[in-house]
Amino acid sequence: MRWTTFTLSIIGALLATLAAQTTADVRWGFAMAGAAALATGTFLTSRMMGGAHTAEWVRARAASEALKREGYKFAARCAPYDNEATRQAQLNTESGKIEDSMEDLAGKEVQPKSAGTMPTADITAEAYIADRITLQCDHFFDPKAEGYRRLAERLGWMEFGLALTATLITAIVGATDKASLPLHFDFVALAAVFTTIGGTVTAHIEATRCNFLVTSYRATARRLRNELTAINHSFETPSAEWSAFVTRCETILADESGAWIAKWTK
């Protein structure tokens, strides 16, 4: 929805500018198309990107991450799931607390199209490290961070190009006789719309939280890898040392979730 409204805003601004500069024969078509693009973007923003909708998405995602943390701690036999007699009851209690807080969204729950990635049986220390730390860093945090970095860079250059173009147009028009300009087009209006689009690009960069996600994902991957480099022996499971290690890793992941939850709920 965000990318759709971003595109519609640019199209609407360009069409509105063209409508003001063209002859009466085609002006009506440009004007109506521009108005339709802007109206559609406004409608989608109010219906699909409102505060309530975003809050529901954040809550659902936060609950999902919380359930995943408890599931991995259980499968890895980390405290408080290291006691065979009480671990299942403890998991039921913790997952129940999380799910109870989401009862108001039960009507929007859909059945998954494929099986999840959560382990369905106890896993070894090596499997936990491979799936929960190495895989997360190599196949999620690092690629996602690089993807968002490239996106922010491209959008940044786009905004720079628009601002530079608007500046050059303004300077050239200011030093040129308007009657000598081709097509009798109002290039000052075009410079204004380029400036407006540049502002839209800047707002889109902020809305997608690109720079924040790059920093957050890379910091999380670095902290997880630091935990791995501190290991100089194999773990015995279950054990107090193993529980401490898993707890530290899950706390790092919980901190990352808490950071983006706070960012998206602003």
C-alpha atoms as a PDB file:
ATOM      1  CA  MET A   1       0.000   0.000   0.000  1.00  0.00           C
ATOM      2  CA  ARG A   2       2.821   2.403   0.828  1.00  0.00           C
ATOM      3  CA  TRP A   3       4.505   1.882  -2.540  1.00  0.00           C
ATOM      4  CA  THR A   4       1.161   2.156  -4.321  1.00  0.00           C
ATOM      5  CA  THR A   5       0.260   5.475  -2.699  1.00  0.00           C
ATOM      6  CA  PHE A   6       3.814   6.727  -3.314  1.00  0.00           C
ATOM      7  CA  THR A   7       3.474   5.994  -7.035  1.00  0.00           C
ATOM      8  CA  LEU A   8      -0.024   7.447  -7.250  1.00  0.00           C
ATOM      9  CA  SER A   9       1.136  10.670  -5.585  1.00  0.00           C
ATOM     10  CA  ILE A  10       3.870  11.156  -8.186  1.00  0.00           C
ATOM     11  CA  ILE A  11       1.581  10.304 -11.112  1.00  0.00           C
ATOM     12  CA  GLY A  12      -1.145  12.609  -9.802  1.00  0.00           C
ATOM     13  CA  ALA A  13       1.242  15.541  -9.374  1.00  0.00           C
ATOM     14  CA  LEU A  14       2.673  15.128 -12.880  1.00  0.00           C
ATOM     15  CA  LEU A  15      -0.743  14.806 -14.514  1.00  0.00           C
ATOM     16  CA  ALA A  16      -2.054  17.867 -12.680  1.00  0.00           C
ATOM     17  CA  THR A  17       0.907  19.899 -13.935  1.00  0.00           C
ATOM     18  CA  LEU A  18       0.379  18.697 -17.508  1.00  0.00           C
ATOM     19  CA  ALA A  19      -3.308  19.556 -17.278  1.00  0.00           C
ATOM     20  CA  ALA A  20      -2.468  23.157 -16.423  1.00  0.00           C
ATOM     21  CA  GLN A  21      -0.131  23.484 -19.425  1.00  0.00           C
ATOM     22  CA  THR A  22      -2.016  21.735 -22.233  1.00  0.00           C
ATOM     23  CA  THR A  23      -4.773  22.870 -24.549  1.00  0.00           C
ATOM     24  CA  ALA A  24      -8.421  22.570 -23.709  1.00  0.00           C
ATOM     25  CA  ASP A  25      -8.790  19.503 -25.928  1.00  0.00           C
ATOM     26  CA  VAL A  26      -6.694  17.283 -23.672  1.00  0.00           C
ATOM     27  CA  ARG A  27      -6.671  19.285 -20.445  1.00  0.00           C
ATOM     28  CA  TRP A  28      -9.847  17.638 -19.178  1.00  0.00           C
ATOM     29  CA  GLY A  29      -8.379  14.147 -19.574  1.00  0.00           C
ATOM     30  CA  PHE A  30      -5.135  15.002 -17.762  1.00  0.00           C
ATOM     31  CA  ALA A  31      -7.055  16.767 -15.000  1.00  0.00           C
ATOM     32  CA  MET A  32      -9.441  13.883 -14.413  1.00  0.00           C
ATOM     33  CA  ALA A  33      -6.655  11.276 -14.479  1.00  0.00           C
ATOM     34  CA  GLY A  34      -4.560  13.281 -12.022  1.00  0.00           C
ATOM     35  CA  ALA A  35      -7.502  13.809  -9.693  1.00  0.00           C
ATOM     36  CA  ALA A  36      -8.334  10.100  -9.832  1.00  0.00           C
ATOM     37  CA  ALA A  37      -4.741   9.134  -8.984  1.00  0.00           C
ATOM     38  CA  LEU A  38      -4.565  11.522  -6.025  1.00  0.00           C
ATOM     39  CA  ALA A  39      -8.029  10.545  -4.769  1.00  0.00           C
ATOM     40  CA  THR A  40      -7.184   6.845  -4.963  1.00  0.00           C
ATOM     41  CA  GLY A  41      -3.969   7.400  -3.019  1.00  0.00           C
ATOM     42  CA  THR A  42      -5.837   9.338  -0.337  1.00  0.00           C
ATOM     43  CA  PHE A  43      -8.497   6.645  -0.079  1.00  0.00           C
ATOM     44  CA  LEU A  44      -5.936   3.850   0.279  1.00  0.00           C
ATOM     45  CA  THR A  45      -4.009   5.822   2.903  1.00  0.00           C
ATOM     46  CA  SER A  46      -7.080   6.413   5.050  1.00  0.00           C
ATOM     47  CA  ARG A  47      -8.459   2.880   4.710  1.00  0.00           C
ATOM     48  CA  MET A  48      -5.363   0.676   4.657  1.00  0.00           C
ATOM     49  CA  MET A  49      -2.606   2.675   6.367  1.00  0.00           C
ATOM     50  CA  GLY A  50      -4.391   4.275   9.304  1.00  0.00           C
ATOM     51  CA  GLY A  51      -3.092   4.184  12.861  1.00  0.00           C
ATOM     52  CA  ALA A  52      -5.502   1.427  13.956  1.00  0.00           C
ATOM     53  CA  HIS A  53      -4.532  -0.817  11.043  1.00  0.00           C
ATOM     54  CA  THR A  54      -0.829  -0.349  11.716  1.00  0.00           C
ATOM     55  CA  ALA A  55      -1.289  -0.974  15.433  1.00  0.00           C
ATOM     56  CA  GLU A  56      -3.060  -4.275  14.752  1.00  0.00           C
ATOM     57  CA  TRP A  57      -0.287  -5.393  12.397  1.00  0.00           C
ATOM     58  CA  VAL A  58       2.401  -4.488  14.951  1.00  0.00           C
ATOM     59  CA  ARG A  59       0.587  -6.331  17.737  1.00  0.00           C
ATOM     60  CA  ALA A  60       0.152  -9.462  15.616  1.00  0.00           C
ATOM     61  CA  ARG A  61       3.777  -9.432  14.523  1.00  0.00           C
ATOM     62  CA  ALA A  62       4.988  -8.838  18.086  1.00  0.00           C
ATOM     63  CA  ALA A  63       2.916 -11.757  19.369  1.00  0.00           C
ATOM     64  CA  SER A  64       4.282 -13.978  16.606  1.00  0.00           C
ATOM     65  CA  GLU A  65       7.868 -13.130  17.548  1.00  0.00           C
ATOM     66  CA  ALA A  66       7.127 -13.687  21.234  1.00  0.00           C
ATOM     67  CA  LEU A  67       5.644 -17.129  20.540  1.00  0.00           C
ATOM     68  CA  LYS A  68       8.654 -17.989  18.402  1.00  0.00           C
ATOM     69  CA  ARG A  69      11.034 -17.086  21.235  1.00  0.00           C
ATOM     70  CA  GLU A  70       9.192 -19.274  23.703  1.00  0.00           C
ATOM     71  CA  GLY A  71       9.008 -22.113  21.168  1.00  0.00           C
ATOM     72  CA  TYR A  72      12.744 -22.090  20.518  1.00  0.00           C
ATOM     73  CA  LYS A  73      13.555 -21.889  24.229  1.00  0.00           C
ATOM     74  CA  PHE A  74      11.298 -24.889  24.804  1.00  0.00           C
ATOM     75  CA  ALA A  75      12.766 -26.911  21.935  1.00  0.00           C
ATOM     76  CA  ALA A  76      16.316 -26.075  23.077  1.00  0.00           C
ATOM     77  CA  ARG A  77      15.466 -27.112  26.665  1.00  0.00           C
ATOM     78  CA  CYS A  78      16.460 -23.754  28.037  1.00  0.00           C
ATOM     79  CA  ALA A  79      15.255 -22.539  31.429  1.00  0.00           C
ATOM     80  CA  PRO A  80      12.444 -22.415  32.419  1.00  0.00           C
ATOM     81  CA  TYR A  81      11.809 -25.337  30.040  1.00  0.00           C
ATOM     82  CA  ASP A  82      14.645 -27.538  31.281  1.00  0.00           C
ATOM     83  CA  ASN A  83      12.565 -29.483  33.814  1.00  0.00           C
ATOM     84  CA  GLU A  84      10.924 -32.473  32.143  1.00  0.00           C
ATOM     85  CA  ALA A  85       8.089 -32.581  34.665  1.00  0.00           C
ATOM     86  CA  THR A  86       6.974 -28.968  34.283  1.00  0.00           C
ATOM     87  CA  ARG A  87       8.208 -27.769  30.884  1.00  0.00           C
ATOM     88  CA  GLN A  88       5.011 -28.494  28.918  1.00  0.00           C
ATOM     89  CA  ALA A  89       2.807 -26.811  31.506  1.00  0.00           C
ATOM     90  CA  GLN A  90       5.169 -23.850  31.595  1.00  0.00           C
ATOM     91  CA  LEU A  91       5.001 -23.497  27.797  1.00  0.00           C
ATOM     92  CA  ASN A  92       1.200 -23.679  27.863  1.00  0.00           C
ATOM     93  CA  THR A  93       1.125 -20.921  30.472  1.00  0.00           C
ATOM     94  CA  GLU A  94       3.486 -18.601  28.602  1.00  0.00           C
ATOM     95  CA  SER A  95       1.895 -19.130  25.183  1.00  0.00           C
ATOM     96  CA  GLY A  96      -1.552 -18.685  26.738  1.00  0.00           C
ATOM     97  CA  LYS A  97      -0.579 -15.267  28.074  1.00  0.00           C
ATOM     98  CA  ILE A  98       0.559 -14.164  24.632  1.00  0.00           C
ATOM     99  CA  GLU A  99      -2.457 -15.540  22.795  1.00  0.00           C
ATOM    100  CA  ASP A 100      -4.943 -14.169  25.339  1.00  0.00           C
ATOM    101  CA  SER A 101      -3.701 -10.645  24.621  1.00  0.00           C
ATOM    102  CA  MET A 102      -4.631 -11.124  20.949  1.00  0.00           C
ATOM    103  CA  GLU A 103      -8.217 -12.387  21.342  1.00  0.00           C
ATOM    104  CA  ASP A 104      -9.691  -9.207  19.855  1.00  0.00           C
ATOM    105  CA  LEU A 105      -7.893  -9.976  16.562  1.00  0.00           C
ATOM    106  CA  ALA A 106      -9.087 -13.586  16.332  1.00  0.00           C
ATOM    107  CA  GLY A 107     -11.610 -12.662  13.648  1.00  0.00           C
ATOM    108  CA  LYS A 108      -8.798 -11.578  11.332  1.00  0.00           C
ATOM    109  CA  GLU A 109      -6.750 -14.743  11.709  1.00  0.00           C
ATOM    110  CA  VAL A 110      -6.243 -16.767   8.519  1.00  0.00           C
ATOM    111  CA  GLN A 111      -5.036 -20.294   8.063  1.00  0.00           C
ATOM    112  CA  PRO A 112      -1.388 -20.529   6.968  1.00  0.00           C
ATOM    113  CA  LYS A 113      -0.720 -21.706   3.429  1.00  0.00           C
ATOM    114  CA  SER A 114       2.341 -23.723   4.443  1.00  0.00           C
ATOM    115  CA  ALA A 115       3.937 -25.209   7.516  1.00  0.00           C
ATOM    116  CA  GLY A 116       5.848 -22.861   9.786  1.00  0.00           C
ATOM    117  CA  THR A 117       9.558 -22.993  10.537  1.00  0.00           C
ATOM    118  CA  MET A 118       9.206 -23.626  14.257  1.00  0.00           C
ATOM    119  CA  PRO A 119      10.788 -26.874  15.497  1.00  0.00           C
ATOM    120  CA  THR A 120       8.174 -29.454  16.483  1.00  0.00           C
ATOM    121  CA  ALA A 121      10.527 -31.510  18.658  1.00  0.00           C
ATOM    122  CA  ASP A 122      13.507 -30.959  20.909  1.00  0.00           C
ATOM    123  CA  ILE A 123      16.627 -29.762  19.101  1.00  0.00           C
ATOM    124  CA  THR A 124      20.318 -30.044  19.868  1.00  0.00           C
ATOM    125  CA  ALA A 125      22.562 -27.135  20.760  1.00  0.00           C
ATOM    126  CA  GLU A 126      24.119 -27.305  17.299  1.00  0.00           C
ATOM    127  CA  ALA A 127      20.704 -27.187  15.636  1.00  0.00           C
ATOM    128  CA  TYR A 128      19.633 -24.205  17.738  1.00  0.00           C
ATOM    129  CA  ILE A 129      22.794 -22.279  16.846  1.00  0.00           C
ATOM    130  CA  ALA A 130      22.446 -23.140  13.154  1.00  0.00           C
ATOM    131  CA  ASP A 131      18.722 -22.346  12.847  1.00  0.00           C
ATOM    132  CA  ARG A 132      18.259 -19.515  15.304  1.00  0.00           C
ATOM    133  CA  ILE A 133      21.539 -17.634  15.035  1.00  0.00           C
ATOM    134  CA  THR A 134      23.568 -18.476  11.934  1.00  0.00           C
ATOM    135  CA  LEU A 135      20.560 -18.788   9.632  1.00  0.00           C
ATOM    136  CA  GLN A 136      18.979 -15.624  10.994  1.00  0.00           C
ATOM    137  CA  CYS A 137      22.154 -13.621  10.489  1.00  0.00           C
ATOM    138  CA  ASP A 138      23.124 -15.008   7.072  1.00  0.00           C
ATOM    139  CA  HIS A 139      19.674 -15.296   5.480  1.00  0.00           C
ATOM    140  CA  PHE A 140      17.624 -12.572   7.144  1.00  0.00           C
ATOM    141  CA  PHE A 141      19.384  -9.768   8.998  1.00  0.00           C
ATOM    142  CA  ASP A 142      22.347  -9.289   6.619  1.00  0.00           C
ATOM    143  CA  PRO A 143      20.377  -9.584   3.313  1.00  0.00           C
ATOM    144  CA  LYS A 144      17.534  -7.440   4.617  1.00  0.00           C
ATOM    145  CA  ALA A 145      19.915  -4.764   5.876  1.00  0.00           C
ATOM    146  CA  GLU A 146      21.702  -4.638   2.524  1.00  0.00           C
ATOM    147  CA  GLY A 147      18.401  -4.520   0.644  1.00  0.00           C
ATOM    148  CA  TYR A 148      17.126  -1.604   2.693  1.00  0.00           C
ATOM    149  CA  ARG A 149      20.501   0.175   2.387  1.00  0.00           C
ATOM    150  CA  ARG A 150      20.346  -0.047  -1.404  1.00  0.00           C
ATOM    151  CA  LEU A 151      16.730   1.095  -1.419  1.00  0.00           C
ATOM    152  CA  ALA A 152      17.516   4.112   0.758  1.00  0.00           C
ATOM    153  CA  GLU A 153      20.499   4.929  -1.455  1.00  0.00           C
ATOM    154  CA  ARG A 154      18.444   4.761  -4.666  1.00  0.00           C
ATOM    155  CA  LEU A 155      15.671   6.877  -3.200  1.00  0.00           C
ATOM    156  CA  GLY A 156      18.225   9.329  -1.862  1.00  0.00           C
ATOM    157  CA  TRP A 157      19.792   9.750  -5.313  1.00  0.00           C
ATOM    158  CA  MET A 158      16.318  10.113  -6.790  1.00  0.00           C
ATOM    159  CA  GLU A 159      15.506  12.949  -4.390  1.00  0.00           C
ATOM    160  CA  PHE A 160      18.882  14.564  -5.099  1.00  0.00           C
ATOM    161  CA  GLY A 161      18.289  14.392  -8.866  1.00  0.00           C
ATOM    162  CA  LEU A 162      14.829  15.935  -8.541  1.00  0.00           C
ATOM    163  CA  ALA A 163      16.103  18.746  -6.329  1.00  0.00           C
ATOM    164  CA  LEU A 164      19.011  19.442  -8.694  1.00  0.00           C
ATOM    165  CA  THR A 165      16.717  19.427 -11.728  1.00  0.00           C
ATOM    166  CA  ALA A 166      14.275  21.812 -10.068  1.00  0.00           C
ATOM    167  CA  THR A 167      17.146  24.143  -9.158  1.00  0.00           C
ATOM    168  CA  LEU A 168      18.559  24.128 -12.706  1.00  0.00           C
ATOM    169  CA  ILE A 169      15.133  24.733 -14.248  1.00  0.00           C
ATOM    170  CA  THR A 170      14.516  27.656 -11.919  1.00  0.00           C
ATOM    171  CA  ALA A 171      17.918  29.159 -12.688  1.00  0.00           C
ATOM    172  CA  ILE A 172      17.559  28.753 -16.459  1.00  0.00           C
ATOM    173  CA  VAL A 173      14.009  30.104 -16.576  1.00  0.00           C
ATOM    174  CA  GLY A 174      15.025  33.038 -14.423  1.00  0.00           C
ATOM    175  CA  ALA A 175      17.742  34.017 -16.892  1.00  0.00           C
ATOM    176  CA  THR A 176      15.750  33.318 -20.081  1.00  0.00           C
ATOM    177  CA  ASP A 177      13.008  35.154 -21.865  1.00  0.00           C
ATOM    178  CA  LYS A 178       9.871  33.066 -21.287  1.00  0.00           C
ATOM    179  CA  ALA A 179       8.632  33.802 -24.787  1.00  0.00           C
ATOM    180  CA  SER A 180      11.671  32.042 -26.234  1.00  0.00           C
ATOM    181  CA  LEU A 181      11.068  28.803 -24.338  1.00  0.00           C
ATOM    182  CA  PRO A 182       9.892  25.816 -26.420  1.00  0.00           C
ATOM    183  CA  LEU A 183       6.255  24.717 -26.456  1.00  0.00           C
ATOM    184  CA  HIS A 184       5.325  27.742 -24.325  1.00  0.00           C
ATOM    185  CA  PHE A 185       5.428  25.420 -21.357  1.00  0.00           C
ATOM    186  CA  ASP A 186       5.524  26.855 -17.835  1.00  0.00           C
ATOM    187  CA  PHE A 187       8.761  25.309 -16.654  1.00  0.00           C
ATOM    188  CA  VAL A 188       8.495  27.088 -13.302  1.00  0.00           C
ATOM    189  CA  ALA A 189       5.450  24.921 -12.554  1.00  0.00           C
ATOM    190  CA  LEU A 190       7.471  21.867 -13.585  1.00  0.00           C
ATOM    191  CA  ALA A 191      10.239  22.864 -11.158  1.00  0.00           C
ATOM    192  CA  ALA A 192       7.643  23.192  -8.424  1.00  0.00           C
ATOM    193  CA  VAL A 193       6.240  19.740  -9.071  1.00  0.00           C
ATOM    194  CA  PHE A 194       9.756  18.255  -9.052  1.00  0.00           C
ATOM    195  CA  THR A 195      10.281  19.849  -5.647  1.00  0.00           C
ATOM    196  CA  THR A 196       6.979  18.388  -4.449  1.00  0.00           C
ATOM    197  CA  ILE A 197       7.911  14.929  -5.708  1.00  0.00           C
ATOM    198  CA  GLY A 198      11.288  15.224  -4.002  1.00  0.00           C
ATOM    199  CA  GLY A 199       9.493  15.898  -0.735  1.00  0.00           C
ATOM    200  CA  THR A 200       7.316  12.841  -1.365  1.00  0.00           C
ATOM    201  CA  VAL A 201      10.431  10.703  -1.866  1.00  0.00           C
ATOM    202  CA  THR A 202      11.933  11.996   1.393  1.00  0.00           C
ATOM    203  CA  ALA A 203       8.696  11.236   3.234  1.00  0.00           C
ATOM    204  CA  HIS A 204       8.635   7.749   1.724  1.00  0.00           C
ATOM    205  CA  ILE A 205      12.183   7.054   2.945  1.00  0.00           C
ATOM    206  CA  GLU A 206      11.115   8.015   6.453  1.00  0.00           C
ATOM    207  CA  ALA A 207       7.863   6.039   6.237  1.00  0.00           C
ATOM    208  CA  THR A 208       9.616   2.821   5.212  1.00  0.00           C
ATOM    209  CA  ARG A 209      12.127   3.208   8.087  1.00  0.00           C
ATOM    210  CA  CYS A 210      14.897   2.113   5.717  1.00  0.00           C
ATOM    211  CA  ASN A 211      17.807   3.689   7.574  1.00  0.00           C
ATOM    212  CA  PHE A 212      16.505   2.524  10.940  1.00  0.00           C
ATOM    213  CA  LEU A 213      16.094  -1.064   9.747  1.00  0.00           C
ATOM    214  CA  VAL A 214      19.602  -1.134   8.268  1.00  0.00           C
ATOM    215  CA  THR A 215      21.096  -0.080  11.603  1.00  0.00           C
ATOM    216  CA  SER A 216      18.847  -2.352  13.664  1.00  0.00           C
ATOM    217  CA  TYR A 217      19.389  -5.476  11.543  1.00  0.00           C
ATOM    218  CA  ARG A 218      23.145  -5.061  11.343  1.00  0.00           C
ATOM    219  CA  ALA A 219      23.458  -4.360  15.054  1.00  0.00           C
ATOM    220  CA  THR A 220      21.419  -7.470  15.871  1.00  0.00           C
ATOM    221  CA  ALA A 221      23.521  -9.664  13.569  1.00  0.00           C
ATOM    222  CA  ARG A 222      26.707  -8.295  15.112  1.00  0.00           C
ATOM    223  CA  ARG A 223      25.509  -8.982  18.672  1.00  0.00           C
ATOM    224  CA  LEU A 224      24.447 -12.530  17.789  1.00  0.00           C
ATOM    225  CA  ARG A 225      27.770 -13.267  16.114  1.00  0.00           C
ATOM    226  CA  ASN A 226      29.593 -11.891  19.146  1.00  0.00           C
ATOM    227  CA  GLU A 227      27.802 -14.482  21.250  1.00  0.00           C
ATOM    228  CA  LEU A 228      28.961 -17.188  18.848  1.00  0.00           C
ATOM    229  CA  THR A 229      32.577 -16.080  18.876  1.00  0.00           C
ATOM    230  CA  ALA A 230      32.589 -16.273  22.675  1.00  0.00           C
ATOM    231  CA  ILE A 231      31.882 -20.023  22.521  1.00  0.00           C
ATOM    232  CA  ASN A 232      35.022 -22.122  22.907  1.00  0.00           C
ATOM    233  CA  HIS A 233      33.479 -25.477  23.831  1.00  0.00           C
ATOM    234  CA  SER A 234      30.391 -27.558  23.216  1.00  0.00           C
ATOM    235  CA  PHE A 235      27.364 -27.162  25.448  1.00  0.00           C
ATOM    236  CA  GLU A 236      25.696 -29.776  27.577  1.00  0.00           C
ATOM    237  CA  THR A 237      21.923 -29.603  27.367  1.00  0.00           C
ATOM    238  CA  PRO A 238      20.121 -28.929  29.511  1.00  0.00           C
ATOM    239  CA  SER A 239      22.490 -26.991  31.754  1.00  0.00           C
ATOM    240  CA  ALA A 240      22.686 -23.601  33.458  1.00  0.00           C
ATOM    241  CA  GLU A 241      25.411 -22.476  31.041  1.00  0.00           C
ATOM    242  CA  TRP A 242      23.324 -23.466  28.026  1.00  0.00           C
ATOM    243  CA  SER A 243      20.252 -21.730  29.423  1.00  0.00           C
ATOM    244  CA  ALA A 244      22.266 -18.556  29.972  1.00  0.00           C
ATOM    245  CA  PHE A 245      23.536 -18.616  26.384  1.00  0.00           C
ATOM    246  CA  VAL A 246      20.082 -19.166  24.863  1.00  0.00           C
ATOM    247  CA  THR A 247      18.584 -16.494  27.093  1.00  0.00           C
ATOM    248  CA  ARG A 248      21.197 -13.978  25.945  1.00  0.00           C
ATOM    249  CA  CYS A 249      20.514 -14.757  22.284  1.00  0.00           C
ATOM    250  CA  GLU A 250      16.757 -14.595  22.688  1.00  0.00           C
ATOM    251  CA  THR A 251      17.108 -11.312  24.576  1.00  0.00           C
ATOM    252  CA  ILE A 252      19.040  -9.869  21.629  1.00  0.00           C
ATOM    253  CA  LEU A 253      16.243 -10.917  19.278  1.00  0.00           C
ATOM    254  CA  ALA A 254      13.637  -9.551  21.689  1.00  0.00           C
ATOM    255  CA  ASP A 255      15.464  -6.212  21.811  1.00  0.00           C
ATOM    256  CA  GLU A 256      15.396  -6.042  18.014  1.00  0.00           C
ATOM    257  CA  SER A 257      11.659  -6.742  17.995  1.00  0.00           C
ATOM    258  CA  GLY A 258      11.066  -4.156  20.699  1.00  0.00           C
ATOM    259  CA  ALA A 259      13.003  -1.541  18.724  1.00  0.00           C
ATOM    260  CA  TRP A 260      10.937  -1.855  15.553  1.00  0.00           C
ATOM    261  CA  ILE A 261       7.707  -2.097  17.559  1.00  0.00           C
ATOM    262  CA  ALA A 262       8.548   1.235  19.181  1.00  0.00           C
ATOM    263  CA  LYS A 263       9.493   2.722  15.792  1.00  0.00           C
ATOM    264  CA  TRP A 264       6.327   1.584  13.990  1.00  0.00           C
ATOM    265  CA  THR A 265       4.002   2.723  16.785  1.00  0.00           C
ATOM    266  CA  LYS A 266       5.279   6.325  16.737  1.00  0.00           C
END
